[in-house]
C-alpha atoms as a PDB file:
ATOM      1  CA  MET A   1     -22.895   8.044  31.018  1.00  0.00           C
ATOM      2  CA  VAL A   2     -24.023   5.612  33.559  1.00  0.00           C
ATOM      3  CA  GLY A   3     -24.799   2.177  32.109  1.00  0.00           C
ATOM      4  CA  SER A   4     -26.551  -0.863  33.356  1.00  0.00           C
ATOM      5  CA  ALA A   5     -24.835  -3.378  35.605  1.00  0.00           C
ATOM      6  CA  ASN A   6     -24.355  -5.728  32.586  1.00  0.00           C
ATOM      7  CA  LEU A   7     -22.758  -2.965  30.561  1.00  0.00           C
ATOM      8  CA  ASN A   8     -20.405  -2.096  33.356  1.00  0.00           C
ATOM      9  CA  ILE A   9     -19.326  -5.719  33.695  1.00  0.00           C
ATOM     10  CA  MET A  10     -18.610  -5.728  29.870  1.00  0.00           C
ATOM     11  CA  LEU A  11     -16.498  -2.499  30.030  1.00  0.00           C
ATOM     12  CA  LYS A  12     -14.580  -3.785  32.964  1.00  0.00           C
ATOM     13  CA  SER A  13     -13.888  -7.087  31.267  1.00  0.00           C
ATOM     14  CA  ALA A  14     -12.800  -5.563  28.049  1.00  0.00           C
ATOM     15  CA  ARG A  15     -10.323  -3.203  29.829  1.00  0.00           C
ATOM     16  CA  LYS A  16      -8.833  -6.118  31.877  1.00  0.00           C
ATOM     17  CA  ALA A  17      -8.402  -8.345  28.641  1.00  0.00           C
ATOM     18  CA  GLY A  18      -7.079  -5.212  26.902  1.00  0.00           C
ATOM     19  CA  ARG A  19      -4.279  -4.641  29.323  1.00  0.00           C
ATOM     20  CA  ALA A  20      -3.144  -8.164  28.826  1.00  0.00           C
ATOM     21  CA  LEU A  21      -3.244  -7.874  25.057  1.00  0.00           C
ATOM     22  CA  VAL A  22      -1.298  -4.442  25.038  1.00  0.00           C
ATOM     23  CA  LYS A  23       1.431  -6.076  27.092  1.00  0.00           C
ATOM     24  CA  ASP A  24       1.613  -8.979  24.589  1.00  0.00           C
ATOM     25  CA  PHE A  25       1.481  -6.513  21.595  1.00  0.00           C
ATOM     26  CA  ARG A  26       4.645  -4.975  22.829  1.00  0.00           C
ATOM     27  CA  GLU A  27       6.335  -8.425  22.558  1.00  0.00           C
ATOM     28  CA  VAL A  28       4.738  -9.469  19.387  1.00  0.00           C
ATOM     29  CA  GLU A  29       7.883 -10.843  17.893  1.00  0.00           C
ATOM     30  CA  ASN A  30       8.050 -13.428  20.673  1.00  0.00           C
ATOM     31  CA  LEU A  31       4.513 -14.640  20.549  1.00  0.00           C
ATOM     32  CA  GLN A  32       3.987 -18.436  19.971  1.00  0.00           C
ATOM     33  CA  VAL A  33       1.866 -18.490  16.781  1.00  0.00           C
ATOM     34  CA  SER A  34       0.191 -21.491  15.332  1.00  0.00           C
ATOM     35  CA  MET A  35      -1.626 -21.770  11.900  1.00  0.00           C
ATOM     36  CA  LYS A  36      -5.376 -21.867  12.187  1.00  0.00           C
ATOM     37  CA  GLY A  37      -5.914 -21.881   8.416  1.00  0.00           C
ATOM     38  CA  ALA A  38      -4.870 -19.956   5.299  1.00  0.00           C
ATOM     39  CA  GLY A  39      -4.111 -16.407   6.292  1.00  0.00           C
ATOM     40  CA  ASP A  40      -5.819 -16.763   9.716  1.00  0.00           C
ATOM     41  CA  PHE A  41      -3.806 -17.040  12.874  1.00  0.00           C
ATOM     42  CA  VAL A  42      -4.372 -17.718  16.517  1.00  0.00           C
ATOM     43  CA  SER A  43      -1.877 -16.707  19.189  1.00  0.00           C
ATOM     44  CA  ARG A  44      -1.245 -17.330  22.689  1.00  0.00           C
ATOM     45  CA  ALA A  45      -2.402 -13.621  23.238  1.00  0.00           C
ATOM     46  CA  ASP A  46      -5.756 -14.428  21.666  1.00  0.00           C
ATOM     47  CA  LEU A  47      -6.366 -17.501  23.777  1.00  0.00           C
ATOM     48  CA  ASN A  48      -5.273 -15.615  27.016  1.00  0.00           C
ATOM     49  CA  ALA A  49      -7.638 -12.804  26.330  1.00  0.00           C
ATOM     50  CA  GLU A  50     -10.492 -15.174  25.852  1.00  0.00           C
ATOM     51  CA  LYS A  51      -9.745 -16.920  29.029  1.00  0.00           C
ATOM     52  CA  ILE A  52      -9.781 -13.575  31.021  1.00  0.00           C
ATOM     53  CA  LEU A  53     -13.052 -12.543  29.463  1.00  0.00           C
ATOM     54  CA  LYS A  54     -14.709 -15.837  30.211  1.00  0.00           C
ATOM     55  CA  GLU A  55     -13.566 -15.674  33.802  1.00  0.00           C
ATOM     56  CA  GLU A  56     -14.877 -12.129  34.174  1.00  0.00           C
ATOM     57  CA  LEU A  57     -18.137 -12.376  32.291  1.00  0.00           C
ATOM     58  CA  ARG A  58     -19.196 -15.797  33.359  1.00  0.00           C
ATOM     59  CA  GLY A  59     -17.886 -15.242  36.800  1.00  0.00           C
ATOM     60  CA  ALA A  60     -20.310 -12.207  37.051  1.00  0.00           C
ATOM     61  CA  ARG A  61     -23.163 -13.792  35.276  1.00  0.00           C
ATOM     62  CA  PRO A  62     -22.711 -17.594  35.533  1.00  0.00           C
ATOM     63  CA  THR A  63     -26.148 -18.513  34.116  1.00  0.00           C
ATOM     64  CA  TYR A  64     -25.654 -16.691  30.791  1.00  0.00           C
ATOM     65  CA  GLY A  65     -24.715 -18.716  27.687  1.00  0.00           C
ATOM     66  CA  TRP A  66     -21.415 -18.199  25.748  1.00  0.00           C
ATOM     67  CA  LEU A  67     -20.411 -17.942  22.143  1.00  0.00           C
ATOM     68  CA  ALA A  68     -16.693 -16.987  21.293  1.00  0.00           C
ATOM     69  CA  GLU A  69     -14.235 -17.360  18.531  1.00  0.00           C
ATOM     70  CA  GLU A  70     -11.752 -19.638  20.090  1.00  0.00           C
ATOM     71  CA  GLY A  71     -13.850 -21.588  22.585  1.00  0.00           C
ATOM     72  CA  GLY A  72     -17.080 -22.060  20.654  1.00  0.00           C
ATOM     73  CA  GLY A  73     -20.542 -22.104  22.232  1.00  0.00           C
ATOM     74  CA  GLU A  74     -21.893 -23.217  25.561  1.00  0.00           C
ATOM     75  CA  ASP A  75     -25.480 -23.189  26.698  1.00  0.00           C
ATOM     76  CA  GLY A  76     -26.363 -21.402  30.036  1.00  0.00           C
ATOM     77  CA  GLU A  77     -28.915 -22.087  32.624  1.00  0.00           C
ATOM     78  CA  ASP A  78     -30.587 -18.887  31.373  1.00  0.00           C
ATOM     79  CA  PRO A  79     -31.680 -19.799  27.849  1.00  0.00           C
ATOM     80  CA  THR A  80     -32.593 -16.255  27.002  1.00  0.00           C
ATOM     81  CA  ARG A  81     -29.170 -14.600  27.496  1.00  0.00           C
ATOM     82  CA  ARG A  82     -25.679 -15.232  26.130  1.00  0.00           C
ATOM     83  CA  TRP A  83     -22.305 -13.314  25.757  1.00  0.00           C
ATOM     84  CA  ILE A  84     -21.081 -13.168  22.136  1.00  0.00           C
ATOM     85  CA  VAL A  85     -17.206 -12.516  22.357  1.00  0.00           C
ATOM     86  CA  ASP A  86     -14.252 -11.980  20.027  1.00  0.00           C
ATOM     87  CA  PRO A  87     -11.261 -11.735  22.271  1.00  0.00           C
ATOM     88  CA  LEU A  88      -9.091 -10.361  19.395  1.00  0.00           C
ATOM     89  CA  ASP A  89     -10.632  -9.075  16.243  1.00  0.00           C
ATOM     90  CA  GLY A  90      -7.729  -8.276  13.900  1.00  0.00           C
ATOM     91  CA  THR A  91      -5.393 -11.007  14.843  1.00  0.00           C
ATOM     92  CA  THR A  92      -3.409 -10.674  11.654  1.00  0.00           C
ATOM     93  CA  ASN A  93      -2.835  -6.965  12.329  1.00  0.00           C
ATOM     94  CA  PHE A  94      -1.815  -7.808  15.940  1.00  0.00           C
ATOM     95  CA  LEU A  95       0.774 -10.355  14.671  1.00  0.00           C
ATOM     96  CA  HIS A  96       2.246  -7.890  12.222  1.00  0.00           C
ATOM     97  CA  GLY A  97       2.559  -5.169  14.735  1.00  0.00           C
ATOM     98  CA  LEU A  98      -0.107  -3.112  13.369  1.00  0.00           C
ATOM     99  CA  PRO A  99      -2.039  -1.218  16.154  1.00  0.00           C
ATOM    100  CA  HIS A 100      -5.477  -1.770  14.750  1.00  0.00           C
ATOM    101  CA  TRP A 101      -7.340  -4.659  16.668  1.00  0.00           C
ATOM    102  CA  ALA A 102     -10.040  -4.865  19.234  1.00  0.00           C
ATOM    103  CA  ILE A 103     -11.945  -6.818  21.761  1.00  0.00           C
ATOM    104  CA  SER A 104     -15.682  -7.262  21.042  1.00  0.00           C
ATOM    105  CA  ILE A 105     -18.293  -8.191  23.542  1.00  0.00           C
ATOM    106  CA  ALA A 106     -22.054  -8.379  22.893  1.00  0.00           C
ATOM    107  CA  LEU A 107     -24.993  -9.382  25.114  1.00  0.00           C
ATOM    108  CA  GLU A 108     -27.807 -11.055  23.460  1.00  0.00           C
ATOM    109  CA  HIS A 109     -31.271 -11.299  24.991  1.00  0.00           C
ATOM    110  CA  LYS A 110     -33.949 -13.495  23.427  1.00  0.00           C
ATOM    111  CA  GLY A 111     -32.159 -13.393  20.065  1.00  0.00           C
ATOM    112  CA  GLN A 112     -31.534  -9.637  20.028  1.00  0.00           C
ATOM    113  CA  VAL A 113     -28.283  -7.812  20.823  1.00  0.00           C
ATOM    114  CA  VAL A 114     -28.986  -5.440  23.690  1.00  0.00           C
ATOM    115  CA  ALA A 115     -25.624  -4.072  24.525  1.00  0.00           C
ATOM    116  CA  GLY A 116     -22.202  -4.137  22.970  1.00  0.00           C
ATOM    117  CA  CYS A 117     -18.728  -2.877  23.399  1.00  0.00           C
ATOM    118  CA  VAL A 118     -15.704  -2.766  21.110  1.00  0.00           C
ATOM    119  CA  TYR A 119     -12.401  -1.909  22.742  1.00  0.00           C
ATOM    120  CA  ASP A 120      -9.505  -0.559  20.777  1.00  0.00           C
ATOM    121  CA  ALA A 121      -6.842  -1.122  23.567  1.00  0.00           C
ATOM    122  CA  ALA A 122      -3.882   0.185  21.622  1.00  0.00           C
ATOM    123  CA  LYS A 123      -5.550   3.542  21.305  1.00  0.00           C
ATOM    124  CA  ASP A 124      -7.599   3.264  24.462  1.00  0.00           C
ATOM    125  CA  GLU A 125     -10.920   3.878  22.568  1.00  0.00           C
ATOM    126  CA  MET A 126     -13.945   2.116  24.100  1.00  0.00           C
ATOM    127  CA  PHE A 127     -16.979   2.136  21.855  1.00  0.00           C
ATOM    128  CA  PHE A 128     -20.127   0.992  23.525  1.00  0.00           C
ATOM    129  CA  ALA A 129     -23.917   1.091  23.346  1.00  0.00           C
ATOM    130  CA  GLU A 130     -26.890  -0.113  25.092  1.00  0.00           C
ATOM    131  CA  LYS A 131     -30.408  -0.458  23.526  1.00  0.00           C
ATOM    132  CA  GLY A 132     -32.186   2.858  23.785  1.00  0.00           C
ATOM    133  CA  ALA A 133     -29.362   4.585  25.512  1.00  0.00           C
ATOM    134  CA  GLY A 134     -27.266   5.870  22.458  1.00  0.00           C
ATOM    135  CA  ALA A 135     -23.754   5.033  21.503  1.00  0.00           C
ATOM    136  CA  TRP A 136     -20.559   6.359  23.086  1.00  0.00           C
ATOM    137  CA  MET A 137     -16.721   6.445  22.653  1.00  0.00           C
ATOM    138  CA  ASN A 138     -15.202   6.821  26.116  1.00  0.00           C
ATOM    139  CA  ASP A 139     -17.035   9.973  27.381  1.00  0.00           C
ATOM    140  CA  SER A 140     -18.236  11.260  24.041  1.00  0.00           C
ATOM    141  CA  ARG A 141     -21.650  10.526  22.312  1.00  0.00           C
ATOM    142  CA  LEU A 142     -21.341   8.977  18.967  1.00  0.00           C
ATOM    143  CA  ARG A 143     -23.262   9.931  15.869  1.00  0.00           C
ATOM    144  CA  VAL A 144     -22.906   8.629  12.360  1.00  0.00           C
ATOM    145  CA  SER A 145     -21.586  10.833   9.578  1.00  0.00           C
ATOM    146  CA  SER A 146     -23.962  13.435   8.076  1.00  0.00           C
ATOM    147  CA  ARG A 147     -22.436  13.164   4.558  1.00  0.00           C
ATOM    148  CA  SER A 148     -25.007  12.534   1.904  1.00  0.00           C
ATOM    149  CA  LYS A 149     -23.035  12.445  -1.334  1.00  0.00           C
ATOM    150  CA  MET A 150     -21.341   9.225  -2.434  1.00  0.00           C
ATOM    151  CA  ILE A 151     -18.316  11.139  -3.993  1.00  0.00           C
ATOM    152  CA  GLU A 152     -17.555  12.679  -0.520  1.00  0.00           C
ATOM    153  CA  SER A 153     -17.917   9.325   1.316  1.00  0.00           C
ATOM    154  CA  ILE A 154     -15.452   6.658   2.346  1.00  0.00           C
ATOM    155  CA  PHE A 155     -16.317   3.079   2.844  1.00  0.00           C
ATOM    156  CA  SER A 156     -14.715  -0.028   4.471  1.00  0.00           C
ATOM    157  CA  THR A 157     -14.789  -3.641   3.849  1.00  0.00           C
ATOM    158  CA  GLY A 158     -12.869  -6.937   4.304  1.00  0.00           C
ATOM    159  CA  ILE A 159     -11.006  -8.256   1.228  1.00  0.00           C
ATOM    160  CA  PRO A 160     -11.077 -12.033   1.289  1.00  0.00           C
ATOM    161  CA  PHE A 161      -7.640 -13.622   1.737  1.00  0.00           C
ATOM    162  CA  GLY A 162      -5.995 -16.964   1.254  1.00  0.00           C
ATOM    163  CA  GLY A 163      -7.976 -18.108  -1.765  1.00  0.00           C
ATOM    164  CA  ARG A 164     -11.406 -17.671  -0.334  1.00  0.00           C
ATOM    165  CA  ALA A 165     -14.227 -18.357  -2.746  1.00  0.00           C
ATOM    166  CA  ASP A 166     -15.842 -14.977  -2.184  1.00  0.00           C
ATOM    167  CA  LEU A 167     -12.961 -12.905  -3.446  1.00  0.00           C
ATOM    168  CA  PRO A 168     -14.393 -12.441  -6.950  1.00  0.00           C
ATOM    169  CA  THR A 169     -17.785 -11.126  -5.465  1.00  0.00           C
ATOM    170  CA  THR A 170     -15.941  -8.559  -3.296  1.00  0.00           C
ATOM    171  CA  LEU A 171     -13.743  -7.290  -6.247  1.00  0.00           C
ATOM    172  CA  GLN A 172     -16.973  -6.840  -8.179  1.00  0.00           C
ATOM    173  CA  ASP A 173     -18.489  -4.887  -5.278  1.00  0.00           C
ATOM    174  CA  ILE A 174     -15.287  -2.651  -5.333  1.00  0.00           C
ATOM    175  CA  ALA A 175     -15.414  -2.134  -9.031  1.00  0.00           C
ATOM    176  CA  ARG A 176     -19.060  -0.862  -8.759  1.00  0.00           C
ATOM    177  CA  LEU A 177     -18.415   1.228  -5.764  1.00  0.00           C
ATOM    178  CA  ALA A 178     -14.980   2.717  -6.226  1.00  0.00           C
ATOM    179  CA  PRO A 179     -15.789   5.026  -9.238  1.00  0.00           C
ATOM    180  CA  SER A 180     -18.537   6.833  -7.260  1.00  0.00           C
ATOM    181  CA  CYS A 181     -16.867   7.363  -3.829  1.00  0.00           C
ATOM    182  CA  ALA A 182     -14.017   9.163  -2.033  1.00  0.00           C
ATOM    183  CA  GLY A 183     -12.255   5.805  -1.126  1.00  0.00           C
ATOM    184  CA  ILE A 184     -12.509   2.363   0.135  1.00  0.00           C
ATOM    185  CA  ARG A 185     -10.355   1.095   3.112  1.00  0.00           C
ATOM    186  CA  ARG A 186      -9.526  -2.383   4.297  1.00  0.00           C
ATOM    187  CA  TRP A 187      -8.226  -2.142   7.783  1.00  0.00           C
ATOM    188  CA  GLY A 188      -8.629  -5.650   8.963  1.00  0.00           C
ATOM    189  CA  SER A 189     -11.082  -5.600  11.909  1.00  0.00           C
ATOM    190  CA  ALA A 190     -14.831  -5.766  11.234  1.00  0.00           C
ATOM    191  CA  ALA A 191     -15.610  -4.789  14.803  1.00  0.00           C
ATOM    192  CA  LEU A 192     -13.709  -1.536  14.469  1.00  0.00           C
ATOM    193  CA  ASP A 193     -15.019  -0.957  10.959  1.00  0.00           C
ATOM    194  CA  LEU A 194     -18.568  -0.904  12.453  1.00  0.00           C
ATOM    195  CA  ALA A 195     -17.475   1.203  15.400  1.00  0.00           C
ATOM    196  CA  TYR A 196     -15.913   3.753  12.956  1.00  0.00           C
ATOM    197  CA  VAL A 197     -19.230   3.959  11.002  1.00  0.00           C
ATOM    198  CA  ALA A 198     -20.923   4.740  14.368  1.00  0.00           C
ATOM    199  CA  ALA A 199     -18.333   7.447  15.045  1.00  0.00           C
ATOM    200  CA  GLY A 200     -18.744   8.977  11.629  1.00  0.00           C
ATOM    201  CA  ARG A 201     -15.095   8.137  10.532  1.00  0.00           C
ATOM    202  CA  TYR A 202     -16.613   6.018   7.687  1.00  0.00           C
ATOM    203  CA  GLU A 203     -19.761   6.587   5.848  1.00  0.00           C
ATOM    204  CA  GLY A 204     -20.351   2.861   5.557  1.00  0.00           C
ATOM    205  CA  PHE A 205     -19.192  -0.728   5.883  1.00  0.00           C
ATOM    206  CA  TRP A 206     -20.057  -3.962   4.076  1.00  0.00           C
ATOM    207  CA  GLU A 207     -18.684  -7.546   4.231  1.00  0.00           C
ATOM    208  CA  ARG A 208     -19.645 -11.096   3.687  1.00  0.00           C
ATOM    209  CA  ARG A 209     -18.826 -14.320   5.473  1.00  0.00           C
ATOM    210  CA  LEU A 210     -18.475 -12.778   8.867  1.00  0.00           C
ATOM    211  CA  ASN A 211     -19.021 -14.707  12.204  1.00  0.00           C
ATOM    212  CA  PRO A 212     -21.502 -13.468  14.828  1.00  0.00           C
ATOM    213  CA  TRP A 213     -18.637 -12.518  17.097  1.00  0.00           C
ATOM    214  CA  ASP A 214     -17.126 -10.270  14.502  1.00  0.00           C
ATOM    215  CA  MET A 215     -20.123  -7.910  14.283  1.00  0.00           C
ATOM    216  CA  ALA A 216     -22.663  -8.490  17.147  1.00  0.00           C
ATOM    217  CA  ALA A 217     -21.344  -5.633  19.297  1.00  0.00           C
ATOM    218  CA  GLY A 218     -20.663  -3.370  16.305  1.00  0.00           C
ATOM    219  CA  LEU A 219     -24.239  -3.705  15.150  1.00  0.00           C
ATOM    220  CA  ILE A 220     -25.855  -2.158  18.119  1.00  0.00           C
ATOM    221  CA  ILE A 221     -23.279   0.551  18.370  1.00  0.00           C
ATOM    222  CA  VAL A 222     -24.086   1.675  14.726  1.00  0.00           C
ATOM    223  CA  ARG A 223     -27.891   1.452  15.392  1.00  0.00           C
ATOM    224  CA  GLU A 224     -27.518   3.495  18.588  1.00  0.00           C
ATOM    225  CA  ALA A 225     -25.436   6.078  16.710  1.00  0.00           C
ATOM    226  CA  GLY A 226     -28.333   6.593  14.285  1.00  0.00           C
ATOM    227  CA  GLY A 227     -27.103   4.295  11.502  1.00  0.00           C
ATOM    228  CA  LEU A 228     -28.923   1.762   9.386  1.00  0.00           C
ATOM    229  CA  VAL A 229     -27.938  -1.943   9.320  1.00  0.00           C
ATOM    230  CA  GLU A 230     -29.278  -4.601   6.959  1.00  0.00           C
ATOM    231  CA  ALA A 231     -28.130  -7.876   5.511  1.00  0.00           C
ATOM    232  CA  ILE A 232     -26.717  -7.819   2.053  1.00  0.00           C
ATOM    233  CA  LYS A 233     -29.776  -9.880   0.890  1.00  0.00           C
ATOM    234  CA  PRO A 234     -32.435  -7.401   2.018  1.00  0.00           C
ATOM    235  CA  GLU A 235     -34.682  -9.970   3.757  1.00  0.00           C
ATOM    236  CA  GLY A 236     -31.736 -11.946   5.274  1.00  0.00           C
ATOM    237  CA  ASN A 237     -30.614 -12.273   8.908  1.00  0.00           C
ATOM    238  CA  ILE A 238     -27.298 -10.549   9.518  1.00  0.00           C
ATOM    239  CA  LEU A 239     -25.955 -12.795  12.274  1.00  0.00           C
ATOM    240  CA  GLU A 240     -27.179 -15.996  10.621  1.00  0.00           C
ATOM    241  CA  ASP A 241     -26.121 -15.082   7.055  1.00  0.00           C
ATOM    242  CA  GLY A 242     -22.853 -13.553   8.194  1.00  0.00           C
ATOM    243  CA  GLU A 243     -23.097 -10.506   5.893  1.00  0.00           C
ATOM    244  CA  VAL A 244     -23.856  -6.957   6.589  1.00  0.00           C
ATOM    245  CA  ILE A 245     -24.321  -3.441   5.132  1.00  0.00           C
ATOM    246  CA  ALA A 246     -24.112  -0.487   7.556  1.00  0.00           C
ATOM    247  CA  ALA A 247     -24.240   3.176   6.745  1.00  0.00           C
ATOM    248  CA  ASN A 248     -25.698   6.535   7.814  1.00  0.00           C
ATOM    249  CA  GLU A 249     -29.301   7.089   6.757  1.00  0.00           C
ATOM    250  CA  ALA A 250     -28.532   9.748   4.059  1.00  0.00           C
ATOM    251  CA  ILE A 251     -26.115   7.482   2.159  1.00  0.00           C
ATOM    252  CA  PHE A 252     -27.568   4.016   2.851  1.00  0.00           C
ATOM    253  CA  ARG A 253     -29.823   3.637  -0.223  1.00  0.00           C
ATOM    254  CA  SER A 254     -27.117   4.556  -2.751  1.00  0.00           C
ATOM    255  CA  PHE A 255     -24.425   2.644  -0.946  1.00  0.00           C
ATOM    256  CA  ALA A 256     -26.602  -0.418  -0.673  1.00  0.00           C
ATOM    257  CA  LYS A 257     -27.575  -0.267  -4.359  1.00  0.00           C
ATOM    258  CA  ALA A 258     -23.837  -0.215  -5.400  1.00  0.00           C
ATOM    259  CA  VAL A 259     -23.030  -3.271  -3.083  1.00  0.00           C
ATOM    260  CA  ARG A 260     -26.129  -5.264  -4.137  1.00  0.00           C
ATOM    261  CA  GLY A 261     -25.548  -4.784  -7.797  1.00  0.00           C
END
């Protein structure tokens, strides 16, 4: 698959940052870790990955804006385009030696995400998509699952940690959903959860209180793989509201009904 110049910049940048993160992951016990909030950590590796991505992406496209987890937002000379970046989605997994974390990069144009990549560097799986060009994992075309029965389907979510106020709501979601499905997973990386929906590994994903950088890239990958994506409040805005439901078309209605209650 031959992508645009912008997509190729994204893939190259993700691989470069991924190499640095894999090296740090091997030495996870030696990382300097500081507390960023209850149950939420930031590491030297995280900050170093963001520095690499910023140098690569803004070096190649200096006029584009920037929004990232650690460094916040910056306006660009071109007000219509910006990078939305999570240098390490799944930091807690990373710091516990669990090989399930990713780099997420999205390109937004006039308020719409037009390209995205999610790179699982530990497994060397690069999920990516560009508007109108389909979704891919490395050299393979992605397609959402074709399962249409809830009882055969597995779903993923994030379970709020550290006393967050939305824990009761998520537990209620799980109570409604669990009896009618084949399983619910909580693997700790929203970016990879969305990529896995695109790859047909999960039938669906939902979560509240996400940040734009957690899901911007994953949203276009799911859509380009044939999946449906909506805010949990049906008329809501996913990136602004920070909540999402994603699933294959066959299961979406039943799944969304269970989540929305």
